[in-house]
Amino acid sequence: MRERLLAQDIVATSREPLLILDERLTVLMASRSFGAAFGIDEETIVGSPLIRIANGRLNIPSLTGRLEGVRSGKATIKDFEVRQDTASGPRTFLIHASALGRDGSEVRPLMLTVEDVTERRRIEADCEDAIRRASDMVVELNHRAMNSFAMIGAILSMEARLQQDELCRAAFTRMQARI
């Protein structure tokens, strides 16, 4: 009994949104942070099927199918990306899941964590955009530099043709070749 209370306290105080599910994918325990992330009271979802909590926002057939593999102990879920519209706007979550316990029993609870990566994805997109803009600027700078060098080369060529002295003409031609 003491171990169960300790486990409940650990889950309840987890900083990451966390659920413990039974073999039927029914919520056994939920962290406060899960409730906060989905705008629900975590205590009210205990005993509810995963597919019905948070107004069915986790009723995702591909997720449920993968959780079946986790439940059998043959798989884990790492970085399963889910995009959802929430009251605070569109959000991106990564879901991770694994079976708990290593006693060899067929019935093992699952731990499911949800990581909100909305801000990280925004920053990644901003970085990609900044890199693209910087790359475009480098291309433009190279183009302008090449135009300037071509103009200087043309002026040197013109000056070389105007020179009467062969040494001067050769010097202008060497300068033009360097550019």
Foldseek 3Di string as FASTA:
>chain_A
DVVVVVVQVCQQDDCFWKFKAWLQQQTQHTYVNVCVVLVHGRVVRHRPHPCPPSNRLVVDVVVVVVVNCQLQQNDKAWQPWDWDQHPVGIWIKGKTKHWDDDPPDSITIMMITIDTCRVVVVVVVVVVVVVVVVVVVVVVVVVVVVVVLVVVLVVLQVVLVVDPDPVSSVVSVVVSVVD
